[in-house]
């Protein structure tokens, strides 16, 4: 009965030795390959630096008009454009423009990287079931693991700075675009594929002319979710040196600055709403266009 009352555990000394050996192995790997890994990610750092410099050093009116143009092109809705304009003007009026531009540049870079990696991987999952069976458990781990845990190995490998935060955000934000690309392609009507085969289309033509256009609304939903998750992770990544709206929020939590935290929190919410409304409206337009073309 005494055995049943206590859950069997590994010996404390053995567990301590196991943890110690794993930690020492990881430190050895970091010392041996850390510099090489850091140089491998140097292009990403430069991409982020240039994007941040463009957003912060360009006159604010140019960036403002550029965002309004993108909002109009994506949504074709004056209400969304006016709402985006009011949000950005309030952000600038309360002195949060530079931090907001740094956050937007980080979101832009993370979204581009997530799309560049996620869409090809989603296509591969849709074409080969074996790839899907391998990648799905990895995506499950990526989506369920607490976001703080991503920071530990990345910081140990690359230290504090922009690149570790960028990698952590991409890892956290990429699963939706992968899953929805796979789902969108798999949901394409079989009759459409048979028609493409009847016209003599090869695999690439069927993918580029039929499957991807029909799956585009679903893929856009994945991009929307990726942007939202990246924006949420940016605040957490501020703990390891990612600049932007997350750092004032972190400072407000540490020092109990209520107004600083609330103002920057509302700025994050405003940016999230702009991204969400524009990307959703663009996805709906794509869906209507697809229905007209293939209907």
C-alpha atoms as a PDB file:
ATOM      1  CA  UNK A   1       0.000   0.000   0.000  1.00  0.00           C
ATOM      2  CA  UNK A   2       2.901   2.340   0.676  1.00  0.00           C
ATOM      3  CA  UNK A   3       4.082   1.753  -2.894  1.00  0.00           C
ATOM      4  CA  UNK A   4       0.646   2.664  -4.266  1.00  0.00           C
ATOM      5  CA  UNK A   5       0.416   5.844  -2.184  1.00  0.00           C
ATOM      6  CA  UNK A   6       3.454   7.415  -3.862  1.00  0.00           C
ATOM      7  CA  UNK A   7       3.933   7.718  -7.608  1.00  0.00           C
ATOM      8  CA  UNK A   8       7.169   5.998  -8.703  1.00  0.00           C
ATOM      9  CA  UNK A   9       9.875   8.527  -9.582  1.00  0.00           C
ATOM     10  CA  UNK A  10      13.349   8.449 -11.030  1.00  0.00           C
ATOM     11  CA  UNK A  11      16.126   8.513  -8.471  1.00  0.00           C
ATOM     12  CA  UNK A  12      16.989  12.132  -7.594  1.00  0.00           C
ATOM     13  CA  UNK A  13      20.707  11.690  -8.256  1.00  0.00           C
ATOM     14  CA  UNK A  14      20.040  10.001 -11.598  1.00  0.00           C
ATOM     15  CA  UNK A  15      17.573  12.722 -12.616  1.00  0.00           C
ATOM     16  CA  UNK A  16      20.050  15.431 -11.610  1.00  0.00           C
ATOM     17  CA  UNK A  17      22.817  13.766 -13.643  1.00  0.00           C
ATOM     18  CA  UNK A  18      20.518  13.429 -16.644  1.00  0.00           C
ATOM     19  CA  UNK A  19      19.550  17.121 -16.559  1.00  0.00           C
ATOM     20  CA  UNK A  20      23.173  18.123 -16.078  1.00  0.00           C
ATOM     21  CA  UNK A  21      24.358  16.049 -19.049  1.00  0.00           C
ATOM     22  CA  UNK A  22      21.650  17.507 -21.317  1.00  0.00           C
ATOM     23  CA  UNK A  23      22.461  21.079 -20.234  1.00  0.00           C
ATOM     24  CA  UNK A  24      26.201  20.534 -20.743  1.00  0.00           C
ATOM     25  CA  UNK A  25      25.604  18.990 -24.183  1.00  0.00           C
ATOM     26  CA  UNK A  26      23.492  21.969 -25.232  1.00  0.00           C
ATOM     27  CA  UNK A  27      26.110  24.420 -23.924  1.00  0.00           C
ATOM     28  CA  UNK A  28      28.804  22.533 -25.821  1.00  0.00           C
ATOM     29  CA  UNK A  29      26.731  22.650 -28.994  1.00  0.00           C
ATOM     30  CA  UNK A  30      26.202  26.395 -28.494  1.00  0.00           C
ATOM     31  CA  UNK A  31      29.923  27.053 -28.009  1.00  0.00           C
ATOM     32  CA  UNK A  32      30.841  24.947 -31.037  1.00  0.00           C
ATOM     33  CA  UNK A  33      28.221  26.070 -33.532  1.00  0.00           C
ATOM     34  CA  UNK A  34      26.736  29.298 -32.122  1.00  0.00           C
ATOM     35  CA  UNK A  35      28.821  31.597 -34.304  1.00  0.00           C
ATOM     36  CA  UNK A  36      28.006  29.618 -37.442  1.00  0.00           C
ATOM     37  CA  UNK A  37      24.290  29.637 -36.657  1.00  0.00           C
ATOM     38  CA  UNK A  38      24.411  33.369 -35.974  1.00  0.00           C
ATOM     39  CA  UNK A  39      26.113  34.072 -39.325  1.00  0.00           C
ATOM     40  CA  UNK A  40      23.499  31.871 -41.051  1.00  0.00           C
ATOM     41  CA  UNK A  41      20.738  34.149 -39.773  1.00  0.00           C
ATOM     42  CA  UNK A  42      22.599  37.376 -40.627  1.00  0.00           C
ATOM     43  CA  UNK A  43      20.485  37.993 -43.787  1.00  0.00           C
ATOM     44  CA  UNK A  44      17.348  37.911 -41.635  1.00  0.00           C
ATOM     45  CA  UNK A  45      18.865  40.472 -39.289  1.00  0.00           C
ATOM     46  CA  UNK A  46      19.698  42.764 -42.207  1.00  0.00           C
ATOM     47  CA  UNK A  47      16.192  42.324 -43.645  1.00  0.00           C
ATOM     48  CA  UNK A  48      14.670  43.346 -40.309  1.00  0.00           C
ATOM     49  CA  UNK A  49      17.084  46.265 -39.863  1.00  0.00           C
ATOM     50  CA  UNK A  50      16.334  47.667 -43.330  1.00  0.00           C
ATOM     51  CA  UNK A  51      12.572  47.255 -42.846  1.00  0.00           C
ATOM     52  CA  UNK A  52      12.756  48.998 -39.468  1.00  0.00           C
ATOM     53  CA  UNK A  53      14.876  51.841 -40.855  1.00  0.00           C
ATOM     54  CA  UNK A  54      12.426  52.355 -43.710  1.00  0.00           C
ATOM     55  CA  UNK A  55       9.455  52.520 -41.349  1.00  0.00           C
ATOM     56  CA  UNK A  56      11.100  54.810 -38.781  1.00  0.00           C
ATOM     57  CA  UNK A  57      13.231  57.112 -40.957  1.00  0.00           C
ATOM     58  CA  UNK A  58      10.761  57.754 -43.759  1.00  0.00           C
ATOM     59  CA  UNK A  59       8.633  60.896 -43.132  1.00  0.00           C
ATOM     60  CA  UNK A  60       5.521  59.916 -41.221  1.00  0.00           C
ATOM     61  CA  UNK A  61       3.149  61.302 -43.838  1.00  0.00           C
ATOM     62  CA  UNK A  62       4.646  58.981 -46.485  1.00  0.00           C
ATOM     63  CA  UNK A  63       4.206  55.917 -44.259  1.00  0.00           C
ATOM     64  CA  UNK A  64       0.710  57.072 -43.324  1.00  0.00           C
ATOM     65  CA  UNK A  65      -0.349  57.446 -46.965  1.00  0.00           C
ATOM     66  CA  UNK A  66       1.287  54.135 -47.861  1.00  0.00           C
ATOM     67  CA  UNK A  67      -0.658  52.292 -45.157  1.00  0.00           C
ATOM     68  CA  UNK A  68      -3.883  54.012 -46.260  1.00  0.00           C
ATOM     69  CA  UNK A  69      -3.231  52.929 -49.854  1.00  0.00           C
ATOM     70  CA  UNK A  70      -2.637  49.330 -48.749  1.00  0.00           C
ATOM     71  CA  UNK A  71      -5.793  49.424 -46.612  1.00  0.00           C
ATOM     72  CA  UNK A  72      -7.844  50.684 -49.565  1.00  0.00           C
ATOM     73  CA  UNK A  73      -6.345  48.191 -52.012  1.00  0.00           C
ATOM     74  CA  UNK A  74      -6.963  45.313 -49.608  1.00  0.00           C
ATOM     75  CA  UNK A  75     -10.446  46.210 -48.416  1.00  0.00           C
ATOM     76  CA  UNK A  76     -11.986  48.673 -50.931  1.00  0.00           C
ATOM     77  CA  UNK A  77     -13.962  49.878 -47.936  1.00  0.00           C
ATOM     78  CA  UNK A  78     -13.866  53.529 -46.874  1.00  0.00           C
ATOM     79  CA  UNK A  79     -14.975  52.695 -43.329  1.00  0.00           C
ATOM     80  CA  UNK A  80     -11.925  50.484 -42.820  1.00  0.00           C
ATOM     81  CA  UNK A  81      -9.624  53.114 -44.331  1.00  0.00           C
ATOM     82  CA  UNK A  82     -11.058  55.891 -42.148  1.00  0.00           C
ATOM     83  CA  UNK A  83     -10.788  53.664 -39.070  1.00  0.00           C
ATOM     84  CA  UNK A  84      -7.163  52.851 -39.887  1.00  0.00           C
ATOM     85  CA  UNK A  85      -6.393  56.544 -40.426  1.00  0.00           C
ATOM     86  CA  UNK A  86      -7.973  57.536 -37.101  1.00  0.00           C
ATOM     87  CA  UNK A  87      -6.077  54.785 -35.283  1.00  0.00           C
ATOM     88  CA  UNK A  88      -2.708  55.802 -36.716  1.00  0.00           C
ATOM     89  CA  UNK A  89      -3.314  59.507 -36.063  1.00  0.00           C
ATOM     90  CA  UNK A  90      -4.163  58.771 -32.420  1.00  0.00           C
ATOM     91  CA  UNK A  91      -1.073  56.575 -32.090  1.00  0.00           C
ATOM     92  CA  UNK A  92       1.094  59.392 -33.421  1.00  0.00           C
ATOM     93  CA  UNK A  93      -0.652  62.035 -31.310  1.00  0.00           C
ATOM     94  CA  UNK A  94       0.096  60.113 -28.118  1.00  0.00           C
ATOM     95  CA  UNK A  95       3.784  59.718 -29.001  1.00  0.00           C
ATOM     96  CA  UNK A  96       3.842  56.019 -29.933  1.00  0.00           C
ATOM     97  CA  UNK A  97       4.612  56.349 -33.645  1.00  0.00           C
ATOM     98  CA  UNK A  98       8.221  55.077 -33.625  1.00  0.00           C
ATOM     99  CA  UNK A  99       7.437  52.055 -31.440  1.00  0.00           C
ATOM    100  CA  UNK A 100       4.429  51.255 -33.626  1.00  0.00           C
ATOM    101  CA  UNK A 101       6.526  51.407 -36.792  1.00  0.00           C
ATOM    102  CA  UNK A 102       9.098  49.054 -35.235  1.00  0.00           C
ATOM    103  CA  UNK A 103       6.306  46.635 -34.353  1.00  0.00           C
ATOM    104  CA  UNK A 104       4.818  46.833 -37.858  1.00  0.00           C
ATOM    105  CA  UNK A 105       8.239  46.208 -39.417  1.00  0.00           C
ATOM    106  CA  UNK A 106       8.706  43.128 -37.217  1.00  0.00           C
ATOM    107  CA  UNK A 107       5.233  41.839 -38.138  1.00  0.00           C
ATOM    108  CA  UNK A 108       5.939  42.461 -41.835  1.00  0.00           C
ATOM    109  CA  UNK A 109       9.244  40.558 -41.786  1.00  0.00           C
ATOM    110  CA  UNK A 110       7.822  37.680 -39.729  1.00  0.00           C
ATOM    111  CA  UNK A 111       4.797  37.400 -42.031  1.00  0.00           C
ATOM    112  CA  UNK A 112       6.966  37.366 -45.167  1.00  0.00           C
ATOM    113  CA  UNK A 113       9.182  34.631 -43.707  1.00  0.00           C
ATOM    114  CA  UNK A 114       6.169  32.629 -42.506  1.00  0.00           C
ATOM    115  CA  UNK A 115       4.579  32.828 -45.964  1.00  0.00           C
ATOM    116  CA  UNK A 116       7.839  31.911 -47.721  1.00  0.00           C
ATOM    117  CA  UNK A 117       8.291  28.837 -45.511  1.00  0.00           C
ATOM    118  CA  UNK A 118       4.685  27.952 -44.697  1.00  0.00           C
ATOM    119  CA  UNK A 119       3.021  27.882 -48.106  1.00  0.00           C
ATOM    120  CA  UNK A 120       5.554  25.480 -49.732  1.00  0.00           C
ATOM    121  CA  UNK A 121       5.356  23.237 -46.660  1.00  0.00           C
ATOM    122  CA  UNK A 122       1.543  23.319 -46.779  1.00  0.00           C
ATOM    123  CA  UNK A 123       1.657  22.413 -50.482  1.00  0.00           C
ATOM    124  CA  UNK A 124       3.981  19.496 -49.712  1.00  0.00           C
ATOM    125  CA  UNK A 125       1.597  18.294 -46.982  1.00  0.00           C
ATOM    126  CA  UNK A 126      -1.332  18.411 -49.393  1.00  0.00           C
ATOM    127  CA  UNK A 127       0.527  16.398 -52.040  1.00  0.00           C
ATOM    128  CA  UNK A 128       2.119  13.726 -49.862  1.00  0.00           C
ATOM    129  CA  UNK A 129       0.316  12.141 -46.911  1.00  0.00           C
ATOM    130  CA  UNK A 130       3.611  10.974 -45.455  1.00  0.00           C
ATOM    131  CA  UNK A 131       4.809  14.584 -45.182  1.00  0.00           C
ATOM    132  CA  UNK A 132       1.525  15.489 -43.497  1.00  0.00           C
ATOM    133  CA  UNK A 133       1.894  12.645 -40.975  1.00  0.00           C
ATOM    134  CA  UNK A 134       5.380  13.888 -40.072  1.00  0.00           C
ATOM    135  CA  UNK A 135       4.656  17.619 -39.981  1.00  0.00           C
ATOM    136  CA  UNK A 136       1.306  17.524 -38.135  1.00  0.00           C
ATOM    137  CA  UNK A 137       2.782  16.395 -34.770  1.00  0.00           C
ATOM    138  CA  UNK A 138       5.453  19.101 -35.071  1.00  0.00           C
ATOM    139  CA  UNK A 139       2.760  21.715 -35.668  1.00  0.00           C
ATOM    140  CA  UNK A 140       0.819  20.389 -32.670  1.00  0.00           C
ATOM    141  CA  UNK A 141       3.876  20.913 -30.475  1.00  0.00           C
ATOM    142  CA  UNK A 142       4.486  24.390 -31.931  1.00  0.00           C
ATOM    143  CA  UNK A 143       0.906  25.453 -31.224  1.00  0.00           C
ATOM    144  CA  UNK A 144       0.543  23.960 -27.743  1.00  0.00           C
ATOM    145  CA  UNK A 145       3.958  24.713 -26.249  1.00  0.00           C
ATOM    146  CA  UNK A 146       3.899  27.845 -24.032  1.00  0.00           C
ATOM    147  CA  UNK A 147       5.265  30.812 -25.931  1.00  0.00           C
ATOM    148  CA  UNK A 148       7.878  31.573 -23.257  1.00  0.00           C
ATOM    149  CA  UNK A 149       9.493  28.182 -23.875  1.00  0.00           C
ATOM    150  CA  UNK A 150      10.440  29.214 -27.429  1.00  0.00           C
ATOM    151  CA  UNK A 151      12.683  31.895 -26.007  1.00  0.00           C
ATOM    152  CA  UNK A 152      14.942  29.565 -24.001  1.00  0.00           C
ATOM    153  CA  UNK A 153      16.817  27.619 -26.732  1.00  0.00           C
ATOM    154  CA  UNK A 154      16.824  30.582 -29.113  1.00  0.00           C
ATOM    155  CA  UNK A 155      18.402  32.882 -26.523  1.00  0.00           C
ATOM    156  CA  UNK A 156      20.961  30.230 -25.531  1.00  0.00           C
ATOM    157  CA  UNK A 157      21.994  29.855 -29.171  1.00  0.00           C
ATOM    158  CA  UNK A 158      21.890  33.473 -30.346  1.00  0.00           C
ATOM    159  CA  UNK A 159      21.739  35.624 -27.224  1.00  0.00           C
ATOM    160  CA  UNK A 160      19.576  38.699 -26.766  1.00  0.00           C
ATOM    161  CA  UNK A 161      18.529  40.771 -29.776  1.00  0.00           C
ATOM    162  CA  UNK A 162      16.460  41.106 -32.916  1.00  0.00           C
ATOM    163  CA  UNK A 163      17.206  37.747 -34.558  1.00  0.00           C
ATOM    164  CA  UNK A 164      16.284  35.527 -31.573  1.00  0.00           C
ATOM    165  CA  UNK A 165      13.011  37.421 -31.220  1.00  0.00           C
ATOM    166  CA  UNK A 166      12.363  37.131 -34.961  1.00  0.00           C
ATOM    167  CA  UNK A 167      12.919  33.364 -34.916  1.00  0.00           C
ATOM    168  CA  UNK A 168      10.698  32.903 -31.861  1.00  0.00           C
ATOM    169  CA  UNK A 169       7.893  34.925 -33.447  1.00  0.00           C
ATOM    170  CA  UNK A 170       8.110  32.998 -36.736  1.00  0.00           C
ATOM    171  CA  UNK A 171       8.026  29.619 -34.965  1.00  0.00           C
ATOM    172  CA  UNK A 172       4.988  30.686 -32.957  1.00  0.00           C
ATOM    173  CA  UNK A 173       3.113  32.312 -35.856  1.00  0.00           C
ATOM    174  CA  UNK A 174       3.796  29.917 -38.748  1.00  0.00           C
ATOM    175  CA  UNK A 175       1.497  26.909 -38.008  1.00  0.00           C
ATOM    176  CA  UNK A 176      -1.777  28.553 -39.212  1.00  0.00           C
ATOM    177  CA  UNK A 177      -0.461  29.334 -42.690  1.00  0.00           C
ATOM    178  CA  UNK A 178       0.890  25.780 -43.033  1.00  0.00           C
ATOM    179  CA  UNK A 179      -2.301  24.102 -41.865  1.00  0.00           C
ATOM    180  CA  UNK A 180      -4.692  26.280 -43.880  1.00  0.00           C
ATOM    181  CA  UNK A 181      -2.625  26.015 -47.067  1.00  0.00           C
ATOM    182  CA  UNK A 182      -2.797  22.234 -46.731  1.00  0.00           C
ATOM    183  CA  UNK A 183      -6.521  22.355 -45.931  1.00  0.00           C
ATOM    184  CA  UNK A 184      -7.372  24.793 -48.740  1.00  0.00           C
ATOM    185  CA  UNK A 185      -5.675  22.669 -51.397  1.00  0.00           C
ATOM    186  CA  UNK A 186      -7.231  19.445 -50.113  1.00  0.00           C
ATOM    187  CA  UNK A 187     -10.714  21.026 -50.187  1.00  0.00           C
ATOM    188  CA  UNK A 188     -10.516  21.868 -53.895  1.00  0.00           C
ATOM    189  CA  UNK A 189     -13.404  20.165 -55.692  1.00  0.00           C
ATOM    190  CA  UNK A 190     -12.376  16.884 -57.318  1.00  0.00           C
ATOM    191  CA  UNK A 191     -14.431  17.788 -60.420  1.00  0.00           C
ATOM    192  CA  UNK A 192     -12.163  20.793 -60.970  1.00  0.00           C
ATOM    193  CA  UNK A 193      -9.091  18.583 -60.823  1.00  0.00           C
ATOM    194  CA  UNK A 194     -10.630  16.082 -63.221  1.00  0.00           C
ATOM    195  CA  UNK A 195     -11.417  18.893 -65.645  1.00  0.00           C
ATOM    196  CA  UNK A 196      -7.825  20.123 -65.430  1.00  0.00           C
ATOM    197  CA  UNK A 197      -6.542  16.593 -66.110  1.00  0.00           C
ATOM    198  CA  UNK A 198      -8.934  16.282 -69.046  1.00  0.00           C
ATOM    199  CA  UNK A 199      -7.354  19.380 -70.613  1.00  0.00           C
ATOM    200  CA  UNK A 200      -3.924  17.788 -70.286  1.00  0.00           C
ATOM    201  CA  UNK A 201      -2.566  19.802 -67.376  1.00  0.00           C
ATOM    202  CA  UNK A 202       0.591  18.554 -65.708  1.00  0.00           C
ATOM    203  CA  UNK A 203       1.135  18.595 -61.943  1.00  0.00           C
ATOM    204  CA  UNK A 204       2.575  22.118 -61.820  1.00  0.00           C
ATOM    205  CA  UNK A 205      -0.160  23.564 -64.058  1.00  0.00           C
ATOM    206  CA  UNK A 206      -2.882  21.912 -61.984  1.00  0.00           C
ATOM    207  CA  UNK A 207      -1.360  23.354 -58.800  1.00  0.00           C
ATOM    208  CA  UNK A 208      -0.730  26.881 -60.085  1.00  0.00           C
ATOM    209  CA  UNK A 209      -3.825  27.291 -62.288  1.00  0.00           C
ATOM    210  CA  UNK A 210      -6.478  25.405 -60.319  1.00  0.00           C
ATOM    211  CA  UNK A 211      -5.585  24.384 -56.773  1.00  0.00           C
ATOM    212  CA  UNK A 212      -3.820  27.509 -55.504  1.00  0.00           C
ATOM    213  CA  UNK A 213      -6.351  30.005 -56.973  1.00  0.00           C
ATOM    214  CA  UNK A 214      -9.271  28.058 -55.506  1.00  0.00           C
ATOM    215  CA  UNK A 215      -7.480  27.656 -52.172  1.00  0.00           C
ATOM    216  CA  UNK A 216      -6.441  31.323 -52.013  1.00  0.00           C
ATOM    217  CA  UNK A 217      -9.281  32.482 -49.699  1.00  0.00           C
ATOM    218  CA  UNK A 218      -8.375  29.751 -47.208  1.00  0.00           C
ATOM    219  CA  UNK A 219      -4.694  30.622 -47.515  1.00  0.00           C
ATOM    220  CA  UNK A 220      -5.552  34.279 -46.844  1.00  0.00           C
ATOM    221  CA  UNK A 221      -7.343  33.181 -43.665  1.00  0.00           C
ATOM    222  CA  UNK A 222      -4.117  31.452 -42.656  1.00  0.00           C
ATOM    223  CA  UNK A 223      -2.122  34.618 -43.348  1.00  0.00           C
ATOM    224  CA  UNK A 224      -4.596  36.574 -41.233  1.00  0.00           C
ATOM    225  CA  UNK A 225      -4.125  34.188 -38.305  1.00  0.00           C
ATOM    226  CA  UNK A 226      -0.351  34.254 -38.744  1.00  0.00           C
ATOM    227  CA  UNK A 227      -0.343  38.058 -38.508  1.00  0.00           C
ATOM    228  CA  UNK A 228      -2.475  37.979 -35.363  1.00  0.00           C
ATOM    229  CA  UNK A 229      -0.262  35.390 -33.683  1.00  0.00           C
ATOM    230  CA  UNK A 230       2.900  37.268 -34.654  1.00  0.00           C
ATOM    231  CA  UNK A 231       1.492  40.444 -33.144  1.00  0.00           C
ATOM    232  CA  UNK A 232       0.680  38.607 -29.910  1.00  0.00           C
ATOM    233  CA  UNK A 233       4.162  37.082 -29.745  1.00  0.00           C
ATOM    234  CA  UNK A 234       5.921  40.404 -30.328  1.00  0.00           C
ATOM    235  CA  UNK A 235       4.935  41.538 -26.840  1.00  0.00           C
ATOM    236  CA  UNK A 236       6.426  38.403 -25.274  1.00  0.00           C
ATOM    237  CA  UNK A 237       9.530  38.643 -27.481  1.00  0.00           C
ATOM    238  CA  UNK A 238      10.197  42.106 -26.044  1.00  0.00           C
ATOM    239  CA  UNK A 239      11.660  40.202 -23.072  1.00  0.00           C
ATOM    240  CA  UNK A 240      14.659  39.274 -25.240  1.00  0.00           C
ATOM    241  CA  UNK A 241      15.238  42.634 -26.867  1.00  0.00           C
ATOM    242  CA  UNK A 242      12.616  42.980 -29.621  1.00  0.00           C
ATOM    243  CA  UNK A 243      11.873  46.688 -29.889  1.00  0.00           C
ATOM    244  CA  UNK A 244       8.449  48.159 -30.432  1.00  0.00           C
ATOM    245  CA  UNK A 245       5.220  48.437 -28.487  1.00  0.00           C
ATOM    246  CA  UNK A 246       6.008  45.358 -26.410  1.00  0.00           C
ATOM    247  CA  UNK A 247       8.858  46.965 -24.488  1.00  0.00           C
ATOM    248  CA  UNK A 248       6.775  49.796 -22.971  1.00  0.00           C
ATOM    249  CA  UNK A 249       4.150  47.214 -21.977  1.00  0.00           C
ATOM    250  CA  UNK A 250       6.849  45.114 -20.300  1.00  0.00           C
ATOM    251  CA  UNK A 251       8.238  48.217 -18.572  1.00  0.00           C
ATOM    252  CA  UNK A 252       4.750  49.146 -17.405  1.00  0.00           C
ATOM    253  CA  UNK A 253       4.254  45.684 -15.876  1.00  0.00           C
ATOM    254  CA  UNK A 254       7.632  45.832 -14.113  1.00  0.00           C
ATOM    255  CA  UNK A 255       7.129  49.336 -12.698  1.00  0.00           C
ATOM    256  CA  UNK A 256       3.332  49.460 -12.361  1.00  0.00           C
ATOM    257  CA  UNK A 257       2.950  52.273 -14.906  1.00  0.00           C
ATOM    258  CA  UNK A 258      -0.763  51.895 -15.561  1.00  0.00           C
ATOM    259  CA  UNK A 259      -1.195  54.547 -18.275  1.00  0.00           C
ATOM    260  CA  UNK A 260       1.955  53.515 -20.156  1.00  0.00           C
ATOM    261  CA  UNK A 261       0.740  49.929 -20.325  1.00  0.00           C
ATOM    262  CA  UNK A 262      -2.815  50.854 -21.290  1.00  0.00           C
ATOM    263  CA  UNK A 263      -1.824  53.333 -24.016  1.00  0.00           C
ATOM    264  CA  UNK A 264       0.615  50.927 -25.658  1.00  0.00           C
ATOM    265  CA  UNK A 265      -1.824  48.062 -25.180  1.00  0.00           C
ATOM    266  CA  UNK A 266      -4.526  50.009 -27.006  1.00  0.00           C
ATOM    267  CA  UNK A 267      -2.010  50.778 -29.777  1.00  0.00           C
ATOM    268  CA  UNK A 268      -1.342  47.049 -30.184  1.00  0.00           C
ATOM    269  CA  UNK A 269      -5.078  46.370 -30.297  1.00  0.00           C
ATOM    270  CA  UNK A 270      -5.533  49.131 -32.900  1.00  0.00           C
ATOM    271  CA  UNK A 271      -2.806  47.717 -35.138  1.00  0.00           C
ATOM    272  CA  UNK A 272      -4.271  44.220 -34.744  1.00  0.00           C
ATOM    273  CA  UNK A 273      -7.728  45.445 -35.779  1.00  0.00           C
ATOM    274  CA  UNK A 274      -6.308  47.203 -38.862  1.00  0.00           C
ATOM    275  CA  UNK A 275      -4.427  44.076 -39.963  1.00  0.00           C
ATOM    276  CA  UNK A 276      -7.431  41.866 -39.240  1.00  0.00           C
ATOM    277  CA  UNK A 277     -10.037  43.967 -41.048  1.00  0.00           C
ATOM    278  CA  UNK A 278      -7.896  44.600 -44.130  1.00  0.00           C
ATOM    279  CA  UNK A 279      -6.757  40.981 -44.524  1.00  0.00           C
ATOM    280  CA  UNK A 280     -10.274  39.621 -43.932  1.00  0.00           C
ATOM    281  CA  UNK A 281     -11.786  42.033 -46.457  1.00  0.00           C
ATOM    282  CA  UNK A 282      -9.109  41.087 -48.983  1.00  0.00           C
ATOM    283  CA  UNK A 283      -9.819  37.380 -48.408  1.00  0.00           C
ATOM    284  CA  UNK A 284     -13.548  37.923 -48.974  1.00  0.00           C
ATOM    285  CA  UNK A 285     -12.835  39.799 -52.212  1.00  0.00           C
ATOM    286  CA  UNK A 286     -10.641  36.931 -53.381  1.00  0.00           C
ATOM    287  CA  UNK A 287     -13.380  34.448 -52.544  1.00  0.00           C
ATOM    288  CA  UNK A 288     -15.999  36.388 -54.535  1.00  0.00           C
ATOM    289  CA  UNK A 289     -13.606  36.713 -57.457  1.00  0.00           C
ATOM    290  CA  UNK A 290     -12.867  32.984 -57.366  1.00  0.00           C
ATOM    291  CA  UNK A 291     -16.573  32.133 -57.276  1.00  0.00           C
ATOM    292  CA  UNK A 292     -17.236  34.382 -60.285  1.00  0.00           C
ATOM    293  CA  UNK A 293     -14.339  32.968 -62.319  1.00  0.00           C
ATOM    294  CA  UNK A 294     -14.988  29.305 -61.543  1.00  0.00           C
ATOM    295  CA  UNK A 295     -18.721  29.502 -61.008  1.00  0.00           C
END
